[in-house]
Amino acid sequence: MSFRVVNTIYIPGLDFGEKLLEPLDATLVNGMWRTEDELISNVTDADAVICSGPLQPFTRQVLSALSECRIVASLGNAYDRIDLEAASEFGIVVTNIPDYCIDEVSCQAVALMLALGRKLFQLDKAVREKQVNFVPPNRKAVTEIAYPIFRMHDQTLGIVGLGRIGTATALKARGLGMRVIAYDPYVLGAVMVSRGVEPVD
């Protein structure tokens, strides 16, 4: 009987490792299940499970139903809703991806910050609605719509939680000349300073 991997967070178009499983005589079953009952109904015969740790409830009840399961792999860095104590008790290894989407999330945060600071959303809306065309005599309309536009240099960015994503965001902001302050009770002040970040309480 082939090794059965059940992917409970299937997204069409994404590669979930079908080609890697082929030489192992493993079967990949894809689905999208969000509740305890749905998970129990669809994953009880899995040898391995791919899931979204922060979204799906891998509770003691669900894990106890996985009689053949050896591993639950969270597709991302979080595993908030996986009962680690129960998994350990049932001999199920739980894994995550600590560096999942660090650059993507930090880039998105900086992109949104720039868009807000430079009033891109307001200007985009104005251009689409033909309120302004950036050419005199409509110049006054631009200043009315977009005022004030901020220089990012010397602005202050505050970050709560200076983990991997927070640090990546801080480094990008420092590259724009911003002052970065952060609060994180788990990161030493000296470590923050070494990253160009000012620790605050």
N, C-alpha and C. Protein backbone atom coordinates (compact mmCIF):
# COMPACT_ATOMS: atom_id res chain seq x y z
N MET A 1 0.85 -1.20 0.00
CA MET A 1 0.00 0.00 0.00
C MET A 1 0.88 1.24 0.00
N SER A 2 0.56 2.21 -0.86
CA SER A 2 1.40 3.39 -0.99
C SER A 2 1.22 4.34 0.19
N PHE A 3 2.27 5.13 0.40
CA PHE A 3 2.27 6.16 1.44
C PHE A 3 1.26 7.23 1.03
N ARG A 4 0.40 7.63 1.94
CA ARG A 4 -0.69 8.55 1.60
C ARG A 4 -0.47 9.91 2.27
N VAL A 5 -0.30 10.94 1.45
CA VAL A 5 -0.13 12.31 1.94
C VAL A 5 -1.42 13.06 1.63
N VAL A 6 -2.01 13.65 2.67
CA VAL A 6 -3.25 14.41 2.47
C VAL A 6 -2.96 15.89 2.68
N ASN A 7 -3.22 16.65 1.63
CA ASN A 7 -3.04 18.11 1.68
C ASN A 7 -4.40 18.73 1.98
N THR A 8 -4.54 19.30 3.16
CA THR A 8 -5.84 19.83 3.60
C THR A 8 -6.05 21.30 3.27
N ILE A 9 -5.08 21.91 2.60
CA ILE A 9 -5.16 23.35 2.31
C ILE A 9 -4.85 23.60 0.84
N TYR A 10 -5.44 22.78 -0.01
CA TYR A 10 -5.14 22.84 -1.45
C TYR A 10 -5.56 24.17 -2.06
N ILE A 11 -4.64 24.74 -2.84
CA ILE A 11 -4.90 25.97 -3.60
C ILE A 11 -4.57 25.66 -5.05
N PRO A 12 -5.54 25.74 -5.95
CA PRO A 12 -5.28 25.41 -7.36
C PRO A 12 -4.13 26.23 -7.93
N GLY A 13 -3.26 25.55 -8.69
CA GLY A 13 -2.15 26.23 -9.34
C GLY A 13 -0.85 26.18 -8.57
N LEU A 14 -0.89 25.82 -7.29
CA LEU A 14 0.33 25.72 -6.50
C LEU A 14 0.87 24.30 -6.53
N ASP A 15 2.19 24.18 -6.52
CA ASP A 15 2.84 22.87 -6.52
C ASP A 15 3.00 22.39 -5.08
N PHE A 16 2.37 21.30 -4.76
CA PHE A 16 2.46 20.74 -3.41
C PHE A 16 3.36 19.50 -3.37
N GLY A 17 4.24 19.36 -4.36
CA GLY A 17 5.26 18.32 -4.31
C GLY A 17 4.89 17.00 -4.96
N GLU A 18 3.96 17.03 -5.91
CA GLU A 18 3.57 15.78 -6.57
C GLU A 18 4.78 15.05 -7.17
N LYS A 19 5.65 15.80 -7.84
CA LYS A 19 6.80 15.17 -8.51
C LYS A 19 7.78 14.57 -7.50
N LEU A 20 7.90 15.21 -6.34
CA LEU A 20 8.79 14.67 -5.30
C LEU A 20 8.27 13.35 -4.75
N LEU A 21 6.95 13.19 -4.76
CA LEU A 21 6.35 11.99 -4.18
C LEU A 21 6.33 10.81 -5.14
N GLU A 22 6.40 11.08 -6.45
CA GLU A 22 6.30 10.01 -7.45
C GLU A 22 7.28 8.86 -7.22
N PRO A 23 8.59 9.13 -7.06
CA PRO A 23 9.52 8.01 -6.89
C PRO A 23 9.36 7.27 -5.56
N LEU A 24 8.59 7.84 -4.64
CA LEU A 24 8.39 7.22 -3.34
C LEU A 24 7.14 6.34 -3.31
N ASP A 25 6.48 6.23 -4.47
CA ASP A 25 5.22 5.48 -4.54
C ASP A 25 4.22 6.03 -3.53
N ALA A 26 4.19 7.36 -3.44
CA ALA A 26 3.28 8.03 -2.50
C ALA A 26 2.14 8.68 -3.26
N THR A 27 0.98 8.70 -2.64
CA THR A 27 -0.20 9.31 -3.23
C THR A 27 -0.49 10.63 -2.53
N LEU A 28 -0.74 11.67 -3.33
CA LEU A 28 -1.11 12.97 -2.77
C LEU A 28 -2.60 13.20 -3.00
N VAL A 29 -3.32 13.42 -1.92
CA VAL A 29 -4.76 13.71 -2.00
C VAL A 29 -4.95 15.16 -1.60
N ASN A 30 -5.57 15.94 -2.48
CA ASN A 30 -5.78 17.37 -2.23
C ASN A 30 -7.22 17.66 -1.84
N GLY A 31 -7.38 18.58 -0.90
CA GLY A 31 -8.70 19.01 -0.50
C GLY A 31 -8.61 20.31 0.29
N MET A 32 -9.76 20.83 0.68
CA MET A 32 -9.80 22.05 1.49
C MET A 32 -10.82 21.82 2.59
N TRP A 33 -10.32 21.55 3.79
CA TRP A 33 -11.19 21.26 4.92
C TRP A 33 -10.82 22.15 6.08
N ARG A 34 -11.83 22.76 6.73
CA ARG A 34 -11.56 23.78 7.74
C ARG A 34 -12.04 23.42 9.14
N THR A 35 -12.98 22.49 9.27
CA THR A 35 -13.54 22.19 10.59
C THR A 35 -13.02 20.86 11.12
N GLU A 36 -13.19 20.64 12.41
CA GLU A 36 -12.79 19.37 13.01
C GLU A 36 -13.46 18.19 12.31
N ASP A 37 -14.77 18.29 12.12
CA ASP A 37 -15.52 17.19 11.50
C ASP A 37 -15.03 16.91 10.08
N GLU A 38 -14.78 17.97 9.30
CA GLU A 38 -14.30 17.80 7.93
C GLU A 38 -12.93 17.14 7.93
N LEU A 39 -12.06 17.57 8.83
CA LEU A 39 -10.72 16.99 8.90
C LEU A 39 -10.78 15.51 9.28
N ILE A 40 -11.55 15.20 10.29
CA ILE A 40 -11.66 13.80 10.74
C ILE A 40 -12.22 12.92 9.62
N SER A 41 -13.17 13.45 8.86
CA SER A 41 -13.79 12.67 7.78
C SER A 41 -12.84 12.42 6.62
N ASN A 42 -11.82 13.27 6.46
CA ASN A 42 -11.00 13.19 5.25
C ASN A 42 -9.53 12.83 5.46
N VAL A 43 -9.04 12.85 6.68
CA VAL A 43 -7.60 12.62 6.87
C VAL A 43 -7.25 11.44 7.77
N THR A 44 -8.24 10.68 8.20
CA THR A 44 -7.95 9.62 9.18
C THR A 44 -7.00 8.55 8.65
N ASP A 45 -6.96 8.35 7.33
CA ASP A 45 -6.09 7.30 6.79
C ASP A 45 -4.77 7.87 6.25
N ALA A 46 -4.45 9.11 6.60
CA ALA A 46 -3.23 9.75 6.09
C ALA A 46 -2.00 9.27 6.84
N ASP A 47 -0.91 9.09 6.10
CA ASP A 47 0.39 8.84 6.71
C ASP A 47 1.08 10.16 7.03
N ALA A 48 0.74 11.18 6.25
CA ALA A 48 1.30 12.52 6.45
C ALA A 48 0.23 13.54 6.07
N VAL A 49 0.25 14.69 6.75
CA VAL A 49 -0.75 15.73 6.50
C VAL A 49 -0.04 17.06 6.26
N ILE A 50 -0.48 17.76 5.21
CA ILE A 50 -0.05 19.14 4.97
C ILE A 50 -1.22 20.02 5.37
N CYS A 51 -0.96 21.04 6.19
CA CYS A 51 -2.06 21.87 6.69
C CYS A 51 -1.63 23.32 6.82
N SER A 52 -2.56 24.15 7.23
CA SER A 52 -2.27 25.53 7.59
C SER A 52 -2.44 25.64 9.10
N GLY A 53 -1.32 25.66 9.81
CA GLY A 53 -1.34 25.66 11.27
C GLY A 53 -2.18 26.73 11.93
N PRO A 54 -2.21 27.96 11.40
CA PRO A 54 -3.02 28.99 12.07
C PRO A 54 -4.49 28.94 11.70
N LEU A 55 -4.87 28.18 10.67
CA LEU A 55 -6.25 28.21 10.19
C LEU A 55 -7.06 26.97 10.56
N GLN A 56 -6.43 25.83 10.58
CA GLN A 56 -7.18 24.58 10.74
C GLN A 56 -7.00 24.00 12.14
N PRO A 57 -8.09 23.52 12.74
CA PRO A 57 -8.02 23.04 14.12
C PRO A 57 -7.54 21.59 14.24
N PHE A 58 -6.23 21.42 14.34
CA PHE A 58 -5.70 20.09 14.60
C PHE A 58 -5.65 19.88 16.11
N THR A 59 -6.85 19.67 16.64
CA THR A 59 -7.05 19.51 18.07
C THR A 59 -6.72 18.08 18.49
N ARG A 60 -6.79 17.83 19.78
CA ARG A 60 -6.59 16.47 20.30
C ARG A 60 -7.56 15.50 19.63
N GLN A 61 -8.80 15.93 19.45
CA GLN A 61 -9.81 15.07 18.84
C GLN A 61 -9.42 14.69 17.41
N VAL A 62 -8.96 15.68 16.63
CA VAL A 62 -8.55 15.41 15.25
C VAL A 62 -7.31 14.53 15.23
N LEU A 63 -6.32 14.88 16.03
CA LEU A 63 -5.06 14.13 16.03
C LEU A 63 -5.25 12.69 16.49
N SER A 64 -6.16 12.48 17.43
CA SER A 64 -6.40 11.11 17.92
C SER A 64 -7.01 10.23 16.84
N ALA A 65 -7.64 10.86 15.83
CA ALA A 65 -8.25 10.09 14.74
C ALA A 65 -7.23 9.71 13.67
N LEU A 66 -6.03 10.29 13.73
CA LEU A 66 -5.01 10.04 12.71
C LEU A 66 -4.15 8.84 13.13
N SER A 67 -4.72 7.67 13.05
CA SER A 67 -4.06 6.48 13.58
C SER A 67 -2.79 6.09 12.82
N GLU A 68 -2.70 6.47 11.53
CA GLU A 68 -1.54 6.10 10.72
C GLU A 68 -0.55 7.26 10.54
N CYS A 69 -0.92 8.42 11.00
CA CYS A 69 -0.15 9.63 10.69
C CYS A 69 1.17 9.69 11.45
N ARG A 70 2.23 10.07 10.72
CA ARG A 70 3.55 10.22 11.32
C ARG A 70 3.98 11.68 11.42
N ILE A 71 3.40 12.53 10.55
CA ILE A 71 3.83 13.93 10.52
C ILE A 71 2.69 14.84 10.09
N VAL A 72 2.58 15.99 10.75
CA VAL A 72 1.68 17.07 10.34
C VAL A 72 2.57 18.26 10.02
N ALA A 73 2.58 18.66 8.75
CA ALA A 73 3.46 19.74 8.29
C ALA A 73 2.64 20.99 8.03
N SER A 74 2.91 22.04 8.81
CA SER A 74 2.21 23.30 8.63
C SER A 74 2.84 24.08 7.48
N LEU A 75 2.01 24.46 6.54
CA LEU A 75 2.47 25.18 5.35
C LEU A 75 2.61 26.66 5.71
N GLY A 76 3.68 27.01 6.37
CA GLY A 76 3.92 28.36 6.85
C GLY A 76 4.69 28.29 8.15
N ASN A 77 4.86 29.45 8.79
CA ASN A 77 5.67 29.45 10.01
C ASN A 77 4.85 29.29 11.29
N ALA A 78 3.53 29.39 11.21
CA ALA A 78 2.71 29.32 12.42
C ALA A 78 2.09 27.94 12.60
N TYR A 79 1.81 27.61 13.85
CA TYR A 79 1.16 26.34 14.17
C TYR A 79 0.23 26.52 15.36
N ASP A 80 -0.42 27.68 15.40
CA ASP A 80 -1.25 28.09 16.54
C ASP A 80 -2.35 27.10 16.91
N ARG A 81 -2.96 26.46 15.91
CA ARG A 81 -4.12 25.62 16.19
C ARG A 81 -3.80 24.12 16.14
N ILE A 82 -2.52 23.80 16.23
CA ILE A 82 -2.11 22.40 16.31
C ILE A 82 -1.78 22.11 17.78
N ASP A 83 -2.43 21.13 18.34
CA ASP A 83 -2.20 20.75 19.74
C ASP A 83 -0.89 19.98 19.82
N LEU A 84 0.19 20.68 20.16
CA LEU A 84 1.52 20.07 20.17
C LEU A 84 1.65 18.98 21.23
N GLU A 85 1.02 19.20 22.36
CA GLU A 85 1.09 18.20 23.43
C GLU A 85 0.44 16.89 22.99
N ALA A 86 -0.74 17.01 22.36
CA ALA A 86 -1.43 15.81 21.88
C ALA A 86 -0.65 15.14 20.76
N ALA A 87 -0.09 15.94 19.86
CA ALA A 87 0.70 15.38 18.75
C ALA A 87 1.87 14.57 19.30
N SER A 88 2.56 15.13 20.28
CA SER A 88 3.68 14.42 20.89
C SER A 88 3.22 13.12 21.55
N GLU A 89 2.10 13.20 22.23
CA GLU A 89 1.55 12.02 22.90
C GLU A 89 1.22 10.91 21.91
N PHE A 90 0.73 11.28 20.71
CA PHE A 90 0.34 10.29 19.71
C PHE A 90 1.50 9.93 18.77
N GLY A 91 2.68 10.48 19.03
CA GLY A 91 3.85 10.15 18.21
C GLY A 91 3.84 10.80 16.85
N ILE A 92 3.19 11.95 16.74
CA ILE A 92 3.11 12.67 15.46
C ILE A 92 4.07 13.85 15.51
N VAL A 93 4.97 13.91 14.55
CA VAL A 93 5.91 15.03 14.45
C VAL A 93 5.19 16.21 13.81
N VAL A 94 5.39 17.40 14.37
CA VAL A 94 4.81 18.62 13.80
C VAL A 94 5.95 19.50 13.29
N THR A 95 5.85 19.91 12.03
CA THR A 95 6.88 20.78 11.45
C THR A 95 6.24 22.05 10.92
N ASN A 96 7.09 23.06 10.72
CA ASN A 96 6.66 24.30 10.09
C ASN A 96 7.77 24.79 9.18
N ILE A 97 7.56 25.95 8.55
CA ILE A 97 8.56 26.53 7.66
C ILE A 97 8.92 27.90 8.23
N PRO A 98 9.97 27.97 9.06
CA PRO A 98 10.27 29.22 9.78
C PRO A 98 10.54 30.43 8.88
N ASP A 99 11.08 30.19 7.67
CA ASP A 99 11.41 31.33 6.81
C ASP A 99 10.37 31.55 5.71
N TYR A 100 9.16 31.04 5.93
CA TYR A 100 8.10 31.16 4.93
C TYR A 100 7.69 32.62 4.72
N CYS A 101 7.79 33.11 3.50
CA CYS A 101 7.29 34.42 3.07
C CYS A 101 7.83 35.61 3.86
N ILE A 102 9.04 35.51 4.39
CA ILE A 102 9.61 36.65 5.12
C ILE A 102 9.77 37.85 4.19
N ASP A 103 10.39 37.63 3.03
CA ASP A 103 10.61 38.75 2.11
C ASP A 103 9.29 39.25 1.54
N GLU A 104 8.39 38.32 1.21
CA GLU A 104 7.11 38.72 0.61
C GLU A 104 6.30 39.60 1.56
N VAL A 105 6.20 39.20 2.82
CA VAL A 105 5.39 39.96 3.78
C VAL A 105 6.05 41.30 4.11
N SER A 106 7.37 41.29 4.31
CA SER A 106 8.05 42.55 4.64
C SER A 106 8.01 43.52 3.46
N CYS A 107 8.15 43.00 2.24
CA CYS A 107 8.03 43.87 1.05
C CYS A 107 6.63 44.46 0.94
N GLN A 108 5.62 43.63 1.22
CA GLN A 108 4.24 44.12 1.16
C GLN A 108 4.00 45.21 2.19
N ALA A 109 4.54 45.02 3.40
CA ALA A 109 4.38 46.03 4.45
C ALA A 109 5.01 47.36 4.03
N VAL A 110 6.22 47.29 3.47
CA VAL A 110 6.90 48.51 3.04
C VAL A 110 6.18 49.13 1.84
N ALA A 111 5.70 48.30 0.92
CA ALA A 111 4.97 48.82 -0.24
C ALA A 111 3.72 49.57 0.19
N LEU A 112 2.96 49.01 1.13
CA LEU A 112 1.75 49.68 1.61
C LEU A 112 2.10 50.97 2.36
N MET A 113 3.19 50.93 3.12
CA MET A 113 3.63 52.12 3.84
C MET A 113 3.99 53.24 2.86
N LEU A 114 4.71 52.89 1.80
CA LEU A 114 5.07 53.87 0.78
C LEU A 114 3.83 54.40 0.07
N ALA A 115 2.90 53.51 -0.24
CA ALA A 115 1.68 53.92 -0.93
C ALA A 115 0.88 54.90 -0.09
N LEU A 116 0.82 54.65 1.22
CA LEU A 116 0.09 55.57 2.11
C LEU A 116 0.83 56.90 2.25
N GLY A 117 2.14 56.82 2.44
CA GLY A 117 2.93 58.04 2.62
C GLY A 117 2.95 58.92 1.40
N ARG A 118 2.94 58.30 0.21
CA ARG A 118 2.99 59.06 -1.04
C ARG A 118 1.60 59.28 -1.64
N LYS A 119 0.55 58.89 -0.92
CA LYS A 119 -0.85 59.11 -1.32
C LYS A 119 -1.20 58.45 -2.67
N LEU A 120 -0.61 57.28 -2.92
CA LEU A 120 -0.83 56.63 -4.21
C LEU A 120 -2.27 56.19 -4.41
N PHE A 121 -2.93 55.76 -3.34
CA PHE A 121 -4.31 55.30 -3.49
C PHE A 121 -5.23 56.46 -3.88
N GLN A 122 -5.05 57.60 -3.22
CA GLN A 122 -5.88 58.77 -3.53
C GLN A 122 -5.61 59.27 -4.95
N LEU A 123 -4.33 59.32 -5.32
CA LEU A 123 -3.98 59.81 -6.66
C LEU A 123 -4.46 58.85 -7.75
N ASP A 124 -4.33 57.55 -7.50
CA ASP A 124 -4.80 56.56 -8.46
C ASP A 124 -6.31 56.73 -8.70
N LYS A 125 -7.05 56.88 -7.61
CA LYS A 125 -8.51 57.05 -7.71
C LYS A 125 -8.85 58.33 -8.48
N ALA A 126 -8.11 59.40 -8.19
CA ALA A 126 -8.38 60.68 -8.85
C ALA A 126 -8.11 60.60 -10.35
N VAL A 127 -7.02 59.94 -10.73
CA VAL A 127 -6.69 59.82 -12.16
C VAL A 127 -7.74 58.95 -12.86
N ARG A 128 -8.13 57.84 -12.25
CA ARG A 128 -9.12 56.96 -12.86
C ARG A 128 -10.47 57.64 -13.03
N GLU A 129 -10.79 58.53 -12.10
CA GLU A 129 -12.07 59.25 -12.17
C GLU A 129 -11.94 60.56 -12.93
N LYS A 130 -10.78 60.76 -13.57
CA LYS A 130 -10.50 61.95 -14.39
C LYS A 130 -10.68 63.25 -13.61
N GLN A 131 -10.33 63.20 -12.33
CA GLN A 131 -10.38 64.41 -11.52
C GLN A 131 -9.14 65.27 -11.72
N VAL A 132 -8.07 64.64 -12.22
CA VAL A 132 -6.80 65.35 -12.34
C VAL A 132 -5.97 64.69 -13.43
N ASN A 133 -5.13 65.48 -14.10
CA ASN A 133 -4.24 64.90 -15.10
C ASN A 133 -2.79 65.33 -14.92
N PHE A 134 -2.48 65.96 -13.78
CA PHE A 134 -1.12 66.35 -13.41
C PHE A 134 -0.52 67.45 -14.29
N VAL A 135 -1.31 68.05 -15.16
CA VAL A 135 -0.80 69.10 -16.03
C VAL A 135 -1.52 70.40 -15.68
N PRO A 136 -0.78 71.52 -15.53
CA PRO A 136 -1.45 72.80 -15.26
C PRO A 136 -2.52 73.05 -16.31
N PRO A 137 -3.65 73.66 -16.00
CA PRO A 137 -3.94 74.36 -14.74
C PRO A 137 -4.52 73.48 -13.64
N ASN A 138 -4.48 72.16 -13.78
CA ASN A 138 -5.06 71.28 -12.77
C ASN A 138 -4.10 70.95 -11.63
N ARG A 139 -2.96 71.63 -11.60
CA ARG A 139 -1.95 71.33 -10.58
C ARG A 139 -2.51 71.50 -9.17
N LYS A 140 -3.35 72.48 -8.97
CA LYS A 140 -3.91 72.72 -7.64
C LYS A 140 -4.73 71.52 -7.17
N ALA A 141 -5.42 70.88 -8.09
CA ALA A 141 -6.22 69.72 -7.73
C ALA A 141 -5.34 68.60 -7.17
N VAL A 142 -4.14 68.45 -7.71
CA VAL A 142 -3.22 67.42 -7.23
C VAL A 142 -2.85 67.69 -5.78
N THR A 143 -2.52 68.93 -5.47
CA THR A 143 -2.12 69.25 -4.10
C THR A 143 -3.29 69.10 -3.14
N GLU A 144 -4.49 69.37 -3.60
CA GLU A 144 -5.65 69.20 -2.73
C GLU A 144 -5.91 67.72 -2.44
N ILE A 145 -5.74 66.89 -3.46
CA ILE A 145 -6.01 65.46 -3.31
C ILE A 145 -4.92 64.78 -2.49
N ALA A 146 -3.67 65.17 -2.73
CA ALA A 146 -2.55 64.42 -2.18
C ALA A 146 -1.87 65.06 -0.98
N TYR A 147 -2.34 66.19 -0.52
CA TYR A 147 -1.65 66.88 0.57
C TYR A 147 -2.01 66.27 1.91
N PRO A 148 -1.05 66.09 2.83
CA PRO A 148 0.39 66.24 2.61
C PRO A 148 1.01 64.92 2.14
N ILE A 149 2.02 65.03 1.28
CA ILE A 149 2.81 63.86 0.89
C ILE A 149 4.08 63.89 1.73
N PHE A 150 4.40 62.74 2.32
CA PHE A 150 5.52 62.68 3.25
C PHE A 150 6.79 62.15 2.58
N ARG A 151 7.90 62.75 2.93
CA ARG A 151 9.19 62.14 2.62
C ARG A 151 9.36 60.97 3.58
N MET A 152 9.80 59.85 3.07
CA MET A 152 9.98 58.70 3.95
C MET A 152 11.23 58.86 4.80
N HIS A 153 12.21 59.56 4.26
CA HIS A 153 13.45 59.80 5.00
C HIS A 153 13.14 60.54 6.29
N ASP A 154 13.65 60.04 7.39
CA ASP A 154 13.48 60.62 8.72
C ASP A 154 12.09 60.41 9.33
N GLN A 155 11.19 59.70 8.64
CA GLN A 155 9.94 59.29 9.27
C GLN A 155 10.26 58.17 10.27
N THR A 156 9.38 57.97 11.24
CA THR A 156 9.60 56.92 12.24
C THR A 156 8.63 55.77 12.00
N LEU A 157 9.18 54.57 11.94
CA LEU A 157 8.39 53.36 11.82
C LEU A 157 8.46 52.60 13.14
N GLY A 158 7.31 52.26 13.69
CA GLY A 158 7.25 51.47 14.92
C GLY A 158 6.86 50.04 14.60
N ILE A 159 7.60 49.09 15.15
CA ILE A 159 7.34 47.67 14.90
C ILE A 159 7.12 46.98 16.24
N VAL A 160 6.05 46.22 16.34
CA VAL A 160 5.80 45.40 17.52
C VAL A 160 6.10 43.96 17.13
N GLY A 161 7.15 43.40 17.70
CA GLY A 161 7.57 42.04 17.37
C GLY A 161 8.69 42.06 16.35
N LEU A 162 9.93 41.95 16.82
CA LEU A 162 11.08 42.03 15.91
C LEU A 162 11.61 40.62 15.63
N GLY A 163 10.73 39.78 15.10
CA GLY A 163 11.13 38.45 14.66
C GLY A 163 11.71 38.53 13.25
N ARG A 164 11.57 37.46 12.51
CA ARG A 164 12.15 37.43 11.16
C ARG A 164 11.50 38.47 10.24
N ILE A 165 10.17 38.52 10.23
CA ILE A 165 9.47 39.46 9.35
C ILE A 165 9.67 40.89 9.83
N GLY A 166 9.57 41.11 11.14
CA GLY A 166 9.79 42.44 11.68
C GLY A 166 11.18 42.96 11.38
N THR A 167 12.19 42.08 11.51
CA THR A 167 13.57 42.47 11.22
C THR A 167 13.75 42.79 9.74
N ALA A 168 13.19 41.95 8.87
CA ALA A 168 13.31 42.20 7.42
C ALA A 168 12.65 43.53 7.05
N THR A 169 11.51 43.83 7.68
CA THR A 169 10.83 45.10 7.43
C THR A 169 11.67 46.26 7.93
N ALA A 170 12.25 46.11 9.11
CA ALA A 170 13.10 47.16 9.68
C ALA A 170 14.29 47.46 8.78
N LEU A 171 14.93 46.43 8.26
CA LEU A 171 16.10 46.64 7.40
C LEU A 171 15.72 47.36 6.11
N LYS A 172 14.56 47.02 5.56
CA LYS A 172 14.10 47.70 4.34
C LYS A 172 13.79 49.17 4.65
N ALA A 173 13.16 49.42 5.78
CA ALA A 173 12.82 50.80 6.17
C ALA A 173 14.09 51.61 6.43
N ARG A 174 15.08 50.99 7.05
CA ARG A 174 16.36 51.68 7.28
C ARG A 174 17.00 52.06 5.95
N GLY A 175 16.81 51.20 4.94
CA GLY A 175 17.34 51.50 3.60
C GLY A 175 16.69 52.72 2.98
N LEU A 176 15.50 53.07 3.45
CA LEU A 176 14.80 54.27 2.99
C LEU A 176 15.16 55.49 3.84
N GLY A 177 16.04 55.29 4.81
CA GLY A 177 16.46 56.39 5.68
C GLY A 177 15.52 56.63 6.84
N MET A 178 14.66 55.68 7.14
CA MET A 178 13.69 55.86 8.22
C MET A 178 14.31 55.53 9.58
N ARG A 179 13.79 56.17 10.59
CA ARG A 179 14.11 55.80 11.97
C ARG A 179 13.18 54.65 12.34
N VAL A 180 13.73 53.59 12.90
CA VAL A 180 12.91 52.43 13.25
C VAL A 180 13.00 52.19 14.75
N ILE A 181 11.83 52.12 15.38
CA ILE A 181 11.75 51.76 16.80
C ILE A 181 10.98 50.45 16.89
N ALA A 182 11.24 49.69 17.95
CA ALA A 182 10.55 48.40 18.06
C ALA A 182 10.39 47.99 19.52
N TYR A 183 9.33 47.21 19.74
CA TYR A 183 9.11 46.59 21.04
C TYR A 183 9.02 45.09 20.84
N ASP A 184 9.81 44.36 21.59
CA ASP A 184 9.74 42.90 21.59
C ASP A 184 10.38 42.41 22.88
N PRO A 185 9.57 41.86 23.79
CA PRO A 185 10.12 41.42 25.08
C PRO A 185 11.07 40.23 24.97
N TYR A 186 11.13 39.60 23.79
CA TYR A 186 11.97 38.42 23.61
C TYR A 186 13.28 38.71 22.88
N VAL A 187 13.48 39.97 22.47
CA VAL A 187 14.70 40.33 21.76
C VAL A 187 15.47 41.34 22.60
N LEU A 188 16.73 41.05 22.87
CA LEU A 188 17.56 41.94 23.68
C LEU A 188 17.75 43.28 22.98
N GLY A 189 17.82 44.34 23.79
CA GLY A 189 18.03 45.68 23.23
C GLY A 189 19.29 45.76 22.39
N ALA A 190 20.36 45.09 22.84
CA ALA A 190 21.62 45.12 22.10
C ALA A 190 21.47 44.48 20.72
N VAL A 191 20.62 43.46 20.63
CA VAL A 191 20.37 42.81 19.34
C VAL A 191 19.62 43.76 18.43
N MET A 192 18.62 44.46 18.99
CA MET A 192 17.88 45.45 18.19
C MET A 192 18.82 46.52 17.65
N VAL A 193 19.67 47.03 18.53
CA VAL A 193 20.61 48.09 18.13
C VAL A 193 21.52 47.59 17.01
N SER A 194 21.93 46.32 17.09
CA SER A 194 22.81 45.77 16.05
C SER A 194 22.10 45.69 14.70
N ARG A 195 20.77 45.73 14.73
CA ARG A 195 19.98 45.71 13.49
C ARG A 195 19.56 47.11 13.06
N GLY A 196 20.08 48.12 13.75
CA GLY A 196 19.76 49.50 13.40
C GLY A 196 18.41 49.95 13.93
N VAL A 197 17.93 49.26 14.97
CA VAL A 197 16.60 49.53 15.52
C VAL A 197 16.73 50.04 16.94
N GLU A 198 15.92 51.03 17.28
CA GLU A 198 15.93 51.60 18.62
C GLU A 198 14.90 50.89 19.49
N PRO A 199 15.32 50.22 20.58
CA PRO A 199 14.35 49.53 21.43
C PRO A 199 13.52 50.51 22.25
N VAL A 200 12.23 50.23 22.38
CA VAL A 200 11.34 51.05 23.20
C VAL A 200 10.47 50.13 24.05
N ASP A 201 9.90 50.70 25.13
CA ASP A 201 9.01 49.94 26.01
C ASP A 201 7.56 50.17 25.63
